[in-house]
Amino acid sequence: MAAGFSEWKVNRQYAANDRVAYLGKQYRCLVKHTSNSASNPKTTVKMWRKDTD
């Protein structure tokens, strides 16, 4: 896992610009929210953007 990226988890509060890893990809949070199983980084593009740094 790249430096600065933690593993994405359900029922966790995320802030804008938080960085996570999910299914081998890296994502940056776009808006403050509490995660749930239906709003993971891969499927919720309004809350997450793929990140590479």
Protein backbone atom coordinates (compact mmCIF):
# COMPACT_ATOMS: atom_id res chain seq x y z
CA MET A 1 0.00 0.00 0.00
CA ALA A 2 1.33 3.45 -0.88
CA ALA A 3 2.36 5.84 1.88
CA GLY A 4 -0.53 7.96 3.17
CA PHE A 5 -3.25 5.51 2.13
CA SER A 6 -5.17 3.54 4.77
CA GLU A 7 -7.49 0.63 4.02
CA TRP A 8 -11.11 1.76 3.38
CA LYS A 9 -13.56 0.63 6.10
CA VAL A 10 -17.33 0.57 6.59
CA ASN A 11 -18.85 2.87 9.26
CA ARG A 12 -15.89 5.24 9.30
CA GLN A 13 -16.03 9.03 9.07
CA TYR A 14 -14.06 10.35 6.09
CA ALA A 15 -13.13 13.96 5.40
CA ALA A 16 -12.40 15.61 2.06
CA ASN A 17 -8.89 14.67 0.86
CA ASP A 18 -8.62 11.53 3.03
CA ARG A 19 -6.84 8.83 1.05
CA VAL A 20 -7.74 5.13 1.10
CA ALA A 21 -6.93 1.86 -0.61
CA TYR A 22 -9.80 -0.34 -1.80
CA LEU A 23 -9.49 -3.57 -3.82
CA GLY A 24 -5.91 -2.73 -4.77
CA LYS A 25 -6.69 0.80 -6.01
CA GLN A 26 -6.07 4.15 -4.33
CA TYR A 27 -8.78 6.79 -3.85
CA ARG A 28 -9.13 10.33 -2.50
CA CYS A 29 -12.29 11.39 -0.66
CA LEU A 30 -14.16 14.29 -2.27
CA VAL A 31 -16.76 15.08 0.44
CA LYS A 32 -17.13 14.50 4.18
CA HIS A 33 -19.28 11.44 4.91
CA THR A 34 -19.62 8.25 6.95
CA SER A 35 -18.96 5.16 4.87
CA ASN A 36 -21.34 2.24 4.48
CA SER A 37 -21.25 -0.99 2.49
CA ALA A 38 -23.22 0.55 -0.40
CA SER A 39 -20.97 3.60 -0.81
CA ASN A 40 -17.53 2.14 -1.40
CA PRO A 41 -14.85 4.05 -3.36
CA LYS A 42 -15.22 1.92 -6.49
CA THR A 43 -18.95 2.53 -6.95
CA THR A 44 -19.53 5.99 -5.44
CA VAL A 45 -17.84 8.41 -7.82
CA LYS A 46 -19.48 11.48 -6.26
CA MET A 47 -17.62 10.75 -3.00
CA TRP A 48 -14.34 9.24 -4.26
CA ARG A 49 -11.82 9.81 -7.04
CA LYS A 50 -9.07 7.41 -8.11
CA ASP A 51 -5.72 8.71 -6.90
CA THR A 52 -2.19 7.82 -7.91
CA ASP A 53 0.16 9.84 -5.68
